[in-house]
Amino acid sequence: MLLVNINHIPGKDIEVLGIVKGNVVQSKNVGRDIMAGVKGLVGGELTGYTEMLTEAREIATKRMIDEAEKMGADAILQVQFSSAAIMQGAAEIIAYGTAVKYK
C-alpha cells in the first residue's frame, strides 16, 4: 500500500474511494511515569513516551491500511496524523487519508 502526503500520484489516473482512518488510545504505564518524573526534573527526552507514541502511530497506520485494503485501495493520499489527550495518562492517535484505486 502506497502512503503519501500529496493530492495525486504522478503518472497515475485514480478513482477516489473515500476517507479511511485508524485510531488507537494508548495509556502510560507506571514505570514510564516514574522515569518521566525524573526526566522532568533533570531534562532530556522522555524515551518511554516517545516509544509509546511511535508504537501508537504504527498501530493507527496499520488499522488505516487495513480499512483501505477492505475497500480495494491501491494507495492512500493526504496521509495525516493527529493526537489528543483523552484523559489523564491516555492519548488517542488517529491516522487518516483518502483511499484511491488506480484506473
C-alpha atoms as a PDB file:
ATOM      1  CA  MET A   1       0.000   0.000   0.000  1.00  0.00           C
ATOM      2  CA  LEU A   2       1.449   3.332  -1.070  1.00  0.00           C
ATOM      3  CA  LEU A   3       1.068   6.044   1.599  1.00  0.00           C
ATOM      4  CA  VAL A   4       1.723   9.637   0.526  1.00  0.00           C
ATOM      5  CA  ASN A   5       1.005  13.127   1.765  1.00  0.00           C
ATOM      6  CA  ILE A   6       0.227  14.635  -1.641  1.00  0.00           C
ATOM      7  CA  ASN A   7      -3.012  15.144  -3.615  1.00  0.00           C
ATOM      8  CA  HIS A   8      -2.127  12.916  -6.559  1.00  0.00           C
ATOM      9  CA  ILE A   9       0.254  10.219  -7.714  1.00  0.00           C
ATOM     10  CA  PRO A  10       2.334  11.431 -10.662  1.00  0.00           C
ATOM     11  CA  GLY A  11       1.614   9.428 -13.793  1.00  0.00           C
ATOM     12  CA  LYS A  12      -1.434   7.626 -12.346  1.00  0.00           C
ATOM     13  CA  ASP A  13      -5.117   8.141 -13.007  1.00  0.00           C
ATOM     14  CA  ILE A  14      -7.024   7.437  -9.814  1.00  0.00           C
ATOM     15  CA  GLU A  15     -10.524   6.785  -8.582  1.00  0.00           C
ATOM     16  CA  VAL A  16     -11.311   8.150  -5.121  1.00  0.00           C
ATOM     17  CA  LEU A  17     -12.827   5.513  -2.839  1.00  0.00           C
ATOM     18  CA  GLY A  18     -13.257   7.608   0.307  1.00  0.00           C
ATOM     19  CA  ILE A  19     -11.730   8.555   3.624  1.00  0.00           C
ATOM     20  CA  VAL A  20     -10.018   5.868   5.679  1.00  0.00           C
ATOM     21  CA  LYS A  21      -8.844   6.099   9.252  1.00  0.00           C
ATOM     22  CA  GLY A  22      -7.272   4.107  12.021  1.00  0.00           C
ATOM     23  CA  ASN A  23      -7.003   5.042  15.648  1.00  0.00           C
ATOM     24  CA  VAL A  24      -5.687   3.785  18.959  1.00  0.00           C
ATOM     25  CA  VAL A  25      -5.904   5.027  22.528  1.00  0.00           C
ATOM     26  CA  GLN A  26      -2.651   4.348  24.341  1.00  0.00           C
ATOM     27  CA  SER A  27      -2.015   4.758  28.050  1.00  0.00           C
ATOM     28  CA  LYS A  28       1.150   5.327  30.021  1.00  0.00           C
ATOM     29  CA  ASN A  29       2.415   2.701  32.425  1.00  0.00           C
ATOM     30  CA  VAL A  30       3.709   3.247  35.942  1.00  0.00           C
ATOM     31  CA  GLY A  31       7.341   2.600  35.012  1.00  0.00           C
ATOM     32  CA  ARG A  32       7.233   5.225  32.283  1.00  0.00           C
ATOM     33  CA  ASP A  33       5.531   7.693  34.640  1.00  0.00           C
ATOM     34  CA  ILE A  34       8.274   7.308  37.246  1.00  0.00           C
ATOM     35  CA  MET A  35      11.047   7.792  34.683  1.00  0.00           C
ATOM     36  CA  ALA A  36       9.193  10.749  33.133  1.00  0.00           C
ATOM     37  CA  GLY A  37       9.010  12.371  36.564  1.00  0.00           C
ATOM     38  CA  VAL A  38      12.764  12.008  36.986  1.00  0.00           C
ATOM     39  CA  LYS A  39      13.438  13.330  33.472  1.00  0.00           C
ATOM     40  CA  GLY A  40      11.111  16.237  34.200  1.00  0.00           C
ATOM     41  CA  LEU A  41      13.449  17.272  36.992  1.00  0.00           C
ATOM     42  CA  VAL A  42      16.723  16.920  35.100  1.00  0.00           C
ATOM     43  CA  GLY A  43      15.599  17.439  31.498  1.00  0.00           C
ATOM     44  CA  GLY A  44      16.037  15.280  28.422  1.00  0.00           C
ATOM     45  CA  GLU A  45      13.959  13.183  26.072  1.00  0.00           C
ATOM     46  CA  LEU A  46      11.205  11.088  27.589  1.00  0.00           C
ATOM     47  CA  THR A  47      12.148   7.972  25.614  1.00  0.00           C
ATOM     48  CA  GLY A  48       9.405   5.842  27.178  1.00  0.00           C
ATOM     49  CA  TYR A  49       6.778   8.253  25.882  1.00  0.00           C
ATOM     50  CA  THR A  50       8.498   8.524  22.501  1.00  0.00           C
ATOM     51  CA  GLU A  51       8.410   4.734  22.173  1.00  0.00           C
ATOM     52  CA  MET A  52       4.764   4.634  23.282  1.00  0.00           C
ATOM     53  CA  LEU A  53       3.722   7.231  20.685  1.00  0.00           C
ATOM     54  CA  THR A  54       5.771   5.559  17.936  1.00  0.00           C
ATOM     55  CA  GLU A  55       4.020   2.263  18.666  1.00  0.00           C
ATOM     56  CA  ALA A  56       0.624   4.001  18.725  1.00  0.00           C
ATOM     57  CA  ARG A  57       1.276   5.637  15.315  1.00  0.00           C
ATOM     58  CA  GLU A  58       2.258   2.256  13.869  1.00  0.00           C
ATOM     59  CA  ILE A  59      -0.951   0.654  15.163  1.00  0.00           C
ATOM     60  CA  ALA A  60      -3.126   3.507  13.866  1.00  0.00           C
ATOM     61  CA  THR A  61      -1.393   3.356  10.462  1.00  0.00           C
ATOM     62  CA  LYS A  62      -1.919  -0.408  10.207  1.00  0.00           C
ATOM     63  CA  ARG A  63      -5.611  -0.016  11.029  1.00  0.00           C
ATOM     64  CA  MET A  64      -5.955   2.702   8.362  1.00  0.00           C
ATOM     65  CA  ILE A  65      -4.251   0.463   5.789  1.00  0.00           C
ATOM     66  CA  ASP A  66      -6.485  -2.476   6.738  1.00  0.00           C
ATOM     67  CA  GLU A  67      -9.580  -0.318   6.144  1.00  0.00           C
ATOM     68  CA  ALA A  68      -8.238   0.825   2.764  1.00  0.00           C
ATOM     69  CA  GLU A  69      -7.448  -2.746   1.707  1.00  0.00           C
ATOM     70  CA  LYS A  70     -11.038  -3.780   2.503  1.00  0.00           C
ATOM     71  CA  MET A  71     -12.168  -1.078   0.058  1.00  0.00           C
ATOM     72  CA  GLY A  72      -9.802  -2.385  -2.634  1.00  0.00           C
ATOM     73  CA  ALA A  73      -7.493   0.636  -2.498  1.00  0.00           C
ATOM     74  CA  ASP A  74      -4.048   0.769  -4.075  1.00  0.00           C
ATOM     75  CA  ALA A  75      -2.880   3.863  -2.204  1.00  0.00           C
ATOM     76  CA  ILE A  76      -3.796   6.386   0.462  1.00  0.00           C
ATOM     77  CA  LEU A  77      -3.335  10.084  -0.324  1.00  0.00           C
ATOM     78  CA  GLN A  78      -3.030  13.031   2.063  1.00  0.00           C
ATOM     79  CA  VAL A  79      -1.997  10.807   4.992  1.00  0.00           C
ATOM     80  CA  GLN A  80      -2.046  12.749   8.241  1.00  0.00           C
ATOM     81  CA  PHE A  81      -1.771  12.029  11.947  1.00  0.00           C
ATOM     82  CA  SER A  82      -3.483  13.707  14.854  1.00  0.00           C
ATOM     83  CA  SER A  83      -3.348  13.197  18.589  1.00  0.00           C
ATOM     84  CA  ALA A  84      -5.471  14.215  21.530  1.00  0.00           C
ATOM     85  CA  ALA A  85      -5.429  13.704  25.272  1.00  0.00           C
ATOM     86  CA  ILE A  86      -8.395  11.500  26.165  1.00  0.00           C
ATOM     87  CA  MET A  87      -7.932  11.512  29.929  1.00  0.00           C
ATOM     88  CA  GLN A  88      -5.098  11.803  32.419  1.00  0.00           C
ATOM     89  CA  GLY A  89      -2.443   9.362  31.256  1.00  0.00           C
ATOM     90  CA  ALA A  90      -4.021   8.374  27.909  1.00  0.00           C
ATOM     91  CA  ALA A  91      -3.804   9.767  24.396  1.00  0.00           C
ATOM     92  CA  GLU A  92      -5.502   8.963  21.106  1.00  0.00           C
ATOM     93  CA  ILE A  93      -3.557   8.800  17.859  1.00  0.00           C
ATOM     94  CA  ILE A  94      -5.506   8.821  14.599  1.00  0.00           C
ATOM     95  CA  ALA A  95      -4.149   8.274  11.104  1.00  0.00           C
ATOM     96  CA  TYR A  96      -6.346   9.278   8.182  1.00  0.00           C
ATOM     97  CA  GLY A  97      -6.265   9.883   4.468  1.00  0.00           C
ATOM     98  CA  THR A  98      -8.064   9.342   1.156  1.00  0.00           C
ATOM     99  CA  ALA A  99      -8.149   5.812  -0.247  1.00  0.00           C
ATOM    100  CA  VAL A 100      -7.728   5.613  -4.029  1.00  0.00           C
ATOM    101  CA  LYS A 101      -7.666   2.919  -6.685  1.00  0.00           C
ATOM    102  CA  TYR A 102      -5.582   3.099  -9.861  1.00  0.00           C
ATOM    103  CA  LYS A 103      -7.617   3.209 -13.089  1.00  0.00           C
END
